[in-house]
Amino acid sequence: MGAIKFWLYNGKEKLQLPVNPESISVSSPFGYEDIDVAQLGQITVFGNRQLAEYSLSAFFPSIYNSAYCEYAKIPKPWDAVKLIEKWRDKKTPIRLTVTGTPINVLVTIRDFDKEVEKAGCPGDIYYSMSLTEYKTMTPRKTSTSKTTKPSSTPARSSSKTTPKTYTVKKGDCLSKIALKYYGKSEYWRKIYDKNKKLIGKNPNLIYPGQKLVMP
């Protein structure tokens, strides 16, 4: 199995997510209806498989960092956001492909929420996205039929041992350091609390060469 890559396509336009989501949630509901019938009680009528739903979240970094970026020439955060919003506003399906998995399916963008200027990581844009499977009006067999039973991509786990100290590098911020060593960007607060005397009142102001004590 090759490296996992998350791709979004819309015609000739495409976008590889610069930072892989920690996981992708896949929901494949099935339609049932329970009916009360006189003298028989409640019976179940089998329905059809409903459209699959995909949920993922990650962030668009403002500066390339090999620790978590999937490629070097990453898009500017706002350029990536505007491209996704343009696809959504066109009201046409896009294709979601996750290499190394069975996920290769047409979807519509249902929700695209953004968090701008998150504490501890200026310039980055964090986002969450909800996508719903799209089916054409005329059913036909295609290569995408293999995606009717998608399996969720397991969350990436890190085997790295958290160091006792960490030396800040160019382009670092507390959220990125937390994501690299703990797998959760939200843990930046723990790093800040441990190094508050060194960093000062503003958690955004860390500098290359500073040695942080890792909690």
C-alpha atoms as a PDB file:
ATOM      1  CA  MET A   1       0.000   0.000   0.000  1.00  0.00           C
ATOM      2  CA  GLY A   2       1.384   3.391  -0.998  1.00  0.00           C
ATOM      3  CA  ALA A   3       1.278   6.591   0.959  1.00  0.00           C
ATOM      4  CA  ILE A   4      -2.224   7.843   1.739  1.00  0.00           C
ATOM      5  CA  LYS A   5      -3.115  11.059  -0.106  1.00  0.00           C
ATOM      6  CA  PHE A   6      -6.355  13.021   0.014  1.00  0.00           C
ATOM      7  CA  TRP A   7      -7.417  14.485  -3.353  1.00  0.00           C
ATOM      8  CA  LEU A   8     -10.384  16.623  -4.407  1.00  0.00           C
ATOM      9  CA  TYR A   9     -11.195  16.998  -8.119  1.00  0.00           C
ATOM     10  CA  ASN A  10     -13.589  19.235 -10.032  1.00  0.00           C
ATOM     11  CA  GLY A  11     -13.151  18.838 -13.773  1.00  0.00           C
ATOM     12  CA  LYS A  12      -9.560  19.784 -14.620  1.00  0.00           C
ATOM     13  CA  GLU A  13      -9.046  21.470 -11.255  1.00  0.00           C
ATOM     14  CA  LYS A  14      -7.658  19.456  -8.380  1.00  0.00           C
ATOM     15  CA  LEU A  15      -6.398  19.939  -4.838  1.00  0.00           C
ATOM     16  CA  GLN A  16      -4.320  17.607  -2.721  1.00  0.00           C
ATOM     17  CA  LEU A  17      -4.851  18.368   0.956  1.00  0.00           C
ATOM     18  CA  PRO A  18      -1.471  19.597   2.230  1.00  0.00           C
ATOM     19  CA  VAL A  19      -2.000  18.027   5.670  1.00  0.00           C
ATOM     20  CA  ASN A  20      -3.711  14.642   5.880  1.00  0.00           C
ATOM     21  CA  PRO A  21      -6.715  14.540   8.241  1.00  0.00           C
ATOM     22  CA  GLU A  22      -6.076  12.460  11.357  1.00  0.00           C
ATOM     23  CA  SER A  23      -9.044  10.331  10.285  1.00  0.00           C
ATOM     24  CA  ILE A  24     -12.003  10.280   7.916  1.00  0.00           C
ATOM     25  CA  SER A  25     -15.409   9.287   9.222  1.00  0.00           C
ATOM     26  CA  VAL A  26     -17.645   7.316   6.849  1.00  0.00           C
ATOM     27  CA  SER A  27     -21.365   6.817   7.553  1.00  0.00           C
ATOM     28  CA  SER A  28     -23.384   4.465   5.339  1.00  0.00           C
ATOM     29  CA  PRO A  29     -26.996   4.530   6.650  1.00  0.00           C
ATOM     30  CA  PHE A  30     -29.731   2.162   5.527  1.00  0.00           C
ATOM     31  CA  GLY A  31     -33.422   3.007   5.262  1.00  0.00           C
ATOM     32  CA  TYR A  32     -35.859   1.081   7.456  1.00  0.00           C
ATOM     33  CA  GLU A  33     -39.471   1.844   8.377  1.00  0.00           C
ATOM     34  CA  ASP A  34     -41.309   0.343  11.359  1.00  0.00           C
ATOM     35  CA  ILE A  35     -45.091   0.084  10.842  1.00  0.00           C
ATOM     36  CA  ASP A  36     -47.829  -0.861  13.320  1.00  0.00           C
ATOM     37  CA  VAL A  37     -50.184  -3.403  11.753  1.00  0.00           C
ATOM     38  CA  ALA A  38     -53.487  -4.387  13.354  1.00  0.00           C
ATOM     39  CA  GLN A  39     -53.413  -7.880  14.958  1.00  0.00           C
ATOM     40  CA  LEU A  40     -49.780  -8.291  13.952  1.00  0.00           C
ATOM     41  CA  GLY A  41     -48.073  -5.561  15.914  1.00  0.00           C
ATOM     42  CA  GLN A  42     -45.032  -3.749  14.647  1.00  0.00           C
ATOM     43  CA  ILE A  43     -43.301  -4.934  11.483  1.00  0.00           C
ATOM     44  CA  THR A  44     -40.203  -3.670   9.693  1.00  0.00           C
ATOM     45  CA  VAL A  45     -40.172  -2.712   6.033  1.00  0.00           C
ATOM     46  CA  PHE A  46     -36.720  -2.862   4.469  1.00  0.00           C
ATOM     47  CA  GLY A  47     -35.706   0.222   2.522  1.00  0.00           C
ATOM     48  CA  ASN A  48     -32.663   1.054   0.428  1.00  0.00           C
ATOM     49  CA  ARG A  49     -29.111   2.021   1.249  1.00  0.00           C
ATOM     50  CA  GLN A  50     -28.889   5.762   1.833  1.00  0.00           C
ATOM     51  CA  LEU A  51     -26.154   8.065   0.524  1.00  0.00           C
ATOM     52  CA  ALA A  52     -22.822   7.654   2.306  1.00  0.00           C
ATOM     53  CA  GLU A  53     -21.511  10.601   4.300  1.00  0.00           C
ATOM     54  CA  TYR A  54     -17.849  11.543   4.770  1.00  0.00           C
ATOM     55  CA  SER A  55     -16.483  13.839   7.476  1.00  0.00           C
ATOM     56  CA  LEU A  56     -12.898  15.048   7.840  1.00  0.00           C
ATOM     57  CA  SER A  57     -10.939  17.900   9.375  1.00  0.00           C
ATOM     58  CA  ALA A  58      -7.387  19.257   9.136  1.00  0.00           C
ATOM     59  CA  PHE A  59      -5.744  22.602   8.406  1.00  0.00           C
ATOM     60  CA  PHE A  60      -4.122  24.591   5.619  1.00  0.00           C
ATOM     61  CA  PRO A  61      -0.666  25.639   6.890  1.00  0.00           C
ATOM     62  CA  SER A  62       0.763  29.026   5.978  1.00  0.00           C
ATOM     63  CA  ILE A  63       4.354  27.705   6.007  1.00  0.00           C
ATOM     64  CA  TYR A  64       5.645  24.351   4.768  1.00  0.00           C
ATOM     65  CA  ASN A  65       6.861  21.973   7.454  1.00  0.00           C
ATOM     66  CA  SER A  66       8.078  18.504   6.499  1.00  0.00           C
ATOM     67  CA  ALA A  67       6.875  17.095   9.822  1.00  0.00           C
ATOM     68  CA  TYR A  68       3.238  17.162   8.726  1.00  0.00           C
ATOM     69  CA  CYS A  69       2.977  18.567   5.184  1.00  0.00           C
ATOM     70  CA  GLU A  70       2.517  15.968   2.428  1.00  0.00           C
ATOM     71  CA  TYR A  71       4.342  17.991  -0.249  1.00  0.00           C
ATOM     72  CA  ALA A  72       6.545  21.090  -0.518  1.00  0.00           C
ATOM     73  CA  LYS A  73       4.618  23.439  -2.823  1.00  0.00           C
ATOM     74  CA  ILE A  74       1.579  23.806  -0.589  1.00  0.00           C
ATOM     75  CA  PRO A  75      -1.169  26.277  -1.605  1.00  0.00           C
ATOM     76  CA  LYS A  76      -1.718  29.494   0.288  1.00  0.00           C
ATOM     77  CA  PRO A  77      -4.422  28.850   2.918  1.00  0.00           C
ATOM     78  CA  TRP A  78      -6.905  31.364   1.520  1.00  0.00           C
ATOM     79  CA  ASP A  79      -6.343  30.153  -2.051  1.00  0.00           C
ATOM     80  CA  ALA A  80      -7.281  26.614  -0.981  1.00  0.00           C
ATOM     81  CA  VAL A  81     -10.350  27.877   0.889  1.00  0.00           C
ATOM     82  CA  LYS A  82     -11.549  29.967  -2.069  1.00  0.00           C
ATOM     83  CA  LEU A  83     -11.121  26.999  -4.449  1.00  0.00           C
ATOM     84  CA  ILE A  84     -13.273  24.703  -2.285  1.00  0.00           C
ATOM     85  CA  GLU A  85     -15.901  27.418  -1.827  1.00  0.00           C
ATOM     86  CA  LYS A  86     -15.954  28.004  -5.600  1.00  0.00           C
ATOM     87  CA  TRP A  87     -16.611  24.300  -6.189  1.00  0.00           C
ATOM     88  CA  ARG A  88     -19.380  24.320  -3.592  1.00  0.00           C
ATOM     89  CA  ASP A  89     -21.020  27.426  -5.091  1.00  0.00           C
ATOM     90  CA  LYS A  90     -21.009  25.882  -8.587  1.00  0.00           C
ATOM     91  CA  LYS A  91     -23.554  23.349  -7.248  1.00  0.00           C
ATOM     92  CA  THR A  92     -21.876  20.458  -9.024  1.00  0.00           C
ATOM     93  CA  PRO A  93     -20.396  17.257  -7.564  1.00  0.00           C
ATOM     94  CA  ILE A  94     -16.670  16.851  -7.002  1.00  0.00           C
ATOM     95  CA  ARG A  95     -14.625  13.679  -6.644  1.00  0.00           C
ATOM     96  CA  LEU A  96     -13.077  12.574  -3.357  1.00  0.00           C
ATOM     97  CA  THR A  97     -10.175  10.161  -3.681  1.00  0.00           C
ATOM     98  CA  VAL A  98      -8.125   8.721  -0.827  1.00  0.00           C
ATOM     99  CA  THR A  99      -5.241   6.721  -2.266  1.00  0.00           C
ATOM    100  CA  GLY A 100      -4.565   3.386  -0.650  1.00  0.00           C
ATOM    101  CA  THR A 101      -8.271   2.992   0.264  1.00  0.00           C
ATOM    102  CA  PRO A 102     -11.471   2.085  -1.661  1.00  0.00           C
ATOM    103  CA  ILE A 103     -12.664   5.702  -1.381  1.00  0.00           C
ATOM    104  CA  ASN A 104     -12.998   7.136  -4.908  1.00  0.00           C
ATOM    105  CA  VAL A 105     -16.452   8.646  -5.157  1.00  0.00           C
ATOM    106  CA  LEU A 106     -18.456  11.615  -6.405  1.00  0.00           C
ATOM    107  CA  VAL A 107     -19.651  13.811  -3.544  1.00  0.00           C
ATOM    108  CA  THR A 108     -21.335  17.126  -2.859  1.00  0.00           C
ATOM    109  CA  ILE A 109     -19.943  19.615  -0.340  1.00  0.00           C
ATOM    110  CA  ARG A 110     -22.549  19.985   2.408  1.00  0.00           C
ATOM    111  CA  ASP A 111     -20.580  21.850   5.101  1.00  0.00           C
ATOM    112  CA  PHE A 112     -17.222  23.628   5.069  1.00  0.00           C
ATOM    113  CA  ASP A 113     -16.455  25.313   8.393  1.00  0.00           C
ATOM    114  CA  LYS A 114     -13.309  27.350   8.959  1.00  0.00           C
ATOM    115  CA  GLU A 115     -11.425  28.641  12.004  1.00  0.00           C
ATOM    116  CA  VAL A 116      -9.183  31.591  11.134  1.00  0.00           C
ATOM    117  CA  GLU A 117      -6.277  32.913  13.244  1.00  0.00           C
ATOM    118  CA  LYS A 118      -6.377  30.107  15.777  1.00  0.00           C
ATOM    119  CA  ALA A 119      -4.475  30.876  18.983  1.00  0.00           C
ATOM    120  CA  GLY A 120      -0.883  29.690  18.846  1.00  0.00           C
ATOM    121  CA  CYS A 121      -0.789  29.327  15.051  1.00  0.00           C
ATOM    122  CA  PRO A 122      -1.238  32.622  13.129  1.00  0.00           C
ATOM    123  CA  GLY A 123      -1.785  32.397   9.374  1.00  0.00           C
ATOM    124  CA  ASP A 124      -3.062  28.811   9.355  1.00  0.00           C
ATOM    125  CA  ILE A 125      -6.701  28.012   8.584  1.00  0.00           C
ATOM    126  CA  TYR A 126      -8.293  25.053  10.348  1.00  0.00           C
ATOM    127  CA  TYR A 127     -11.346  23.506   8.730  1.00  0.00           C
ATOM    128  CA  SER A 128     -13.884  20.698   8.908  1.00  0.00           C
ATOM    129  CA  MET A 129     -15.727  19.356   5.881  1.00  0.00           C
ATOM    130  CA  SER A 130     -18.843  17.226   5.421  1.00  0.00           C
ATOM    131  CA  LEU A 131     -19.374  15.496   2.076  1.00  0.00           C
ATOM    132  CA  THR A 132     -22.299  13.390   0.859  1.00  0.00           C
ATOM    133  CA  GLU A 133     -22.145  10.722  -1.825  1.00  0.00           C
ATOM    134  CA  TYR A 134     -23.609  11.814  -5.186  1.00  0.00           C
ATOM    135  CA  LYS A 135     -25.448   9.464  -7.546  1.00  0.00           C
ATOM    136  CA  THR A 136     -26.359  10.241 -11.144  1.00  0.00           C
ATOM    137  CA  MET A 137     -29.942   9.931 -12.304  1.00  0.00           C
ATOM    138  CA  THR A 138     -29.158   7.031 -14.660  1.00  0.00           C
ATOM    139  CA  PRO A 139     -27.610   4.117 -12.716  1.00  0.00           C
ATOM    140  CA  ARG A 140     -24.731   2.433 -14.477  1.00  0.00           C
ATOM    141  CA  LYS A 141     -21.765   0.280 -13.593  1.00  0.00           C
ATOM    142  CA  THR A 142     -18.505   2.196 -13.342  1.00  0.00           C
ATOM    143  CA  SER A 143     -15.185   1.781 -11.623  1.00  0.00           C
ATOM    144  CA  THR A 144     -16.575   3.848  -8.743  1.00  0.00           C
ATOM    145  CA  SER A 145     -19.036   1.048  -7.911  1.00  0.00           C
ATOM    146  CA  LYS A 146     -16.297  -0.438  -5.728  1.00  0.00           C
ATOM    147  CA  THR A 147     -16.795   2.445  -3.322  1.00  0.00           C
ATOM    148  CA  THR A 148     -20.303   1.344  -2.252  1.00  0.00           C
ATOM    149  CA  LYS A 149     -18.762  -0.191   0.844  1.00  0.00           C
ATOM    150  CA  PRO A 150     -16.047   2.293   1.843  1.00  0.00           C
ATOM    151  CA  SER A 151     -13.973   1.526   4.889  1.00  0.00           C
ATOM    152  CA  SER A 152     -12.896   4.394   7.085  1.00  0.00           C
ATOM    153  CA  THR A 153      -9.228   5.320   6.977  1.00  0.00           C
ATOM    154  CA  PRO A 154      -7.696   4.639  10.407  1.00  0.00           C
ATOM    155  CA  ALA A 155      -6.353   7.617  12.279  1.00  0.00           C
ATOM    156  CA  ARG A 156      -2.635   8.065  11.847  1.00  0.00           C
ATOM    157  CA  SER A 157      -0.778   7.087  14.947  1.00  0.00           C
ATOM    158  CA  SER A 158       2.701   8.244  15.772  1.00  0.00           C
ATOM    159  CA  SER A 159       5.319   5.913  17.197  1.00  0.00           C
ATOM    160  CA  LYS A 160       7.588   8.825  18.080  1.00  0.00           C
ATOM    161  CA  THR A 161       8.522   9.264  21.729  1.00  0.00           C
ATOM    162  CA  THR A 162       7.835  12.738  23.018  1.00  0.00           C
ATOM    163  CA  PRO A 163      11.162  14.431  23.789  1.00  0.00           C
ATOM    164  CA  LYS A 164      11.829  16.124  27.120  1.00  0.00           C
ATOM    165  CA  THR A 165      12.707  19.352  25.319  1.00  0.00           C
ATOM    166  CA  TYR A 166      12.082  20.784  21.858  1.00  0.00           C
ATOM    167  CA  THR A 167      14.080  23.475  20.050  1.00  0.00           C
ATOM    168  CA  VAL A 168      11.854  25.828  18.070  1.00  0.00           C
ATOM    169  CA  LYS A 169      12.523  25.922  14.318  1.00  0.00           C
ATOM    170  CA  LYS A 170      11.575  28.480  11.660  1.00  0.00           C
ATOM    171  CA  GLY A 171       7.889  28.241  10.803  1.00  0.00           C
ATOM    172  CA  ASP A 172       6.959  26.526  14.064  1.00  0.00           C
ATOM    173  CA  CYS A 173       3.992  27.455  16.222  1.00  0.00           C
ATOM    174  CA  LEU A 174       2.613  25.789  19.330  1.00  0.00           C
ATOM    175  CA  SER A 175      -0.278  24.107  17.509  1.00  0.00           C
ATOM    176  CA  LYS A 176       2.066  22.532  14.943  1.00  0.00           C
ATOM    177  CA  ILE A 177       4.443  21.309  17.642  1.00  0.00           C
ATOM    178  CA  ALA A 178       1.497  19.796  19.545  1.00  0.00           C
ATOM    179  CA  LEU A 179       0.204  18.084  16.387  1.00  0.00           C
ATOM    180  CA  LYS A 180       3.662  16.671  15.624  1.00  0.00           C
ATOM    181  CA  TYR A 181       4.338  15.159  19.063  1.00  0.00           C
ATOM    182  CA  TYR A 182       0.891  14.508  20.528  1.00  0.00           C
ATOM    183  CA  GLY A 183      -1.274  14.069  17.430  1.00  0.00           C
ATOM    184  CA  LYS A 184      -3.648  16.783  18.660  1.00  0.00           C
ATOM    185  CA  SER A 185      -3.152  20.451  17.771  1.00  0.00           C
ATOM    186  CA  GLU A 186      -5.402  21.378  20.713  1.00  0.00           C
ATOM    187  CA  TYR A 187      -2.591  20.357  23.103  1.00  0.00           C
ATOM    188  CA  TRP A 188      -0.736  23.599  22.325  1.00  0.00           C
ATOM    189  CA  ARG A 189      -2.140  24.996  25.578  1.00  0.00           C
ATOM    190  CA  LYS A 190      -0.293  22.358  27.638  1.00  0.00           C
ATOM    191  CA  ILE A 191       2.998  23.301  25.975  1.00  0.00           C
ATOM    192  CA  TYR A 192       2.292  26.983  26.533  1.00  0.00           C
ATOM    193  CA  ASP A 193       1.417  26.495  30.225  1.00  0.00           C
ATOM    194  CA  LYS A 194       4.646  24.550  30.743  1.00  0.00           C
ATOM    195  CA  ASN A 195       6.734  27.291  29.088  1.00  0.00           C
ATOM    196  CA  LYS A 196       4.752  30.420  29.979  1.00  0.00           C
ATOM    197  CA  LYS A 197       7.694  32.132  31.694  1.00  0.00           C
ATOM    198  CA  LEU A 198       9.877  31.616  28.610  1.00  0.00           C
ATOM    199  CA  ILE A 199       7.264  32.533  25.970  1.00  0.00           C
ATOM    200  CA  GLY A 200       5.561  35.402  27.777  1.00  0.00           C
ATOM    201  CA  LYS A 201       1.951  36.571  27.597  1.00  0.00           C
ATOM    202  CA  ASN A 202       1.514  36.015  23.829  1.00  0.00           C
ATOM    203  CA  PRO A 203       1.533  32.295  22.838  1.00  0.00           C
ATOM    204  CA  ASN A 204       1.979  33.301  19.186  1.00  0.00           C
ATOM    205  CA  LEU A 205       5.435  34.759  19.831  1.00  0.00           C
ATOM    206  CA  ILE A 206       7.910  31.908  19.799  1.00  0.00           C
ATOM    207  CA  TYR A 207      11.274  32.188  18.097  1.00  0.00           C
ATOM    208  CA  PRO A 208      13.758  29.800  16.438  1.00  0.00           C
ATOM    209  CA  GLY A 209      16.305  28.583  18.953  1.00  0.00           C
ATOM    210  CA  GLN A 210      14.006  28.651  21.976  1.00  0.00           C
ATOM    211  CA  LYS A 211      14.145  25.398  23.932  1.00  0.00           C
ATOM    212  CA  LEU A 212      10.693  24.355  25.141  1.00  0.00           C
ATOM    213  CA  VAL A 213      10.083  21.870  27.930  1.00  0.00           C
ATOM    214  CA  MET A 214       7.590  19.281  26.671  1.00  0.00           C
ATOM    215  CA  PRO A 215       4.839  18.289  29.141  1.00  0.00           C
END
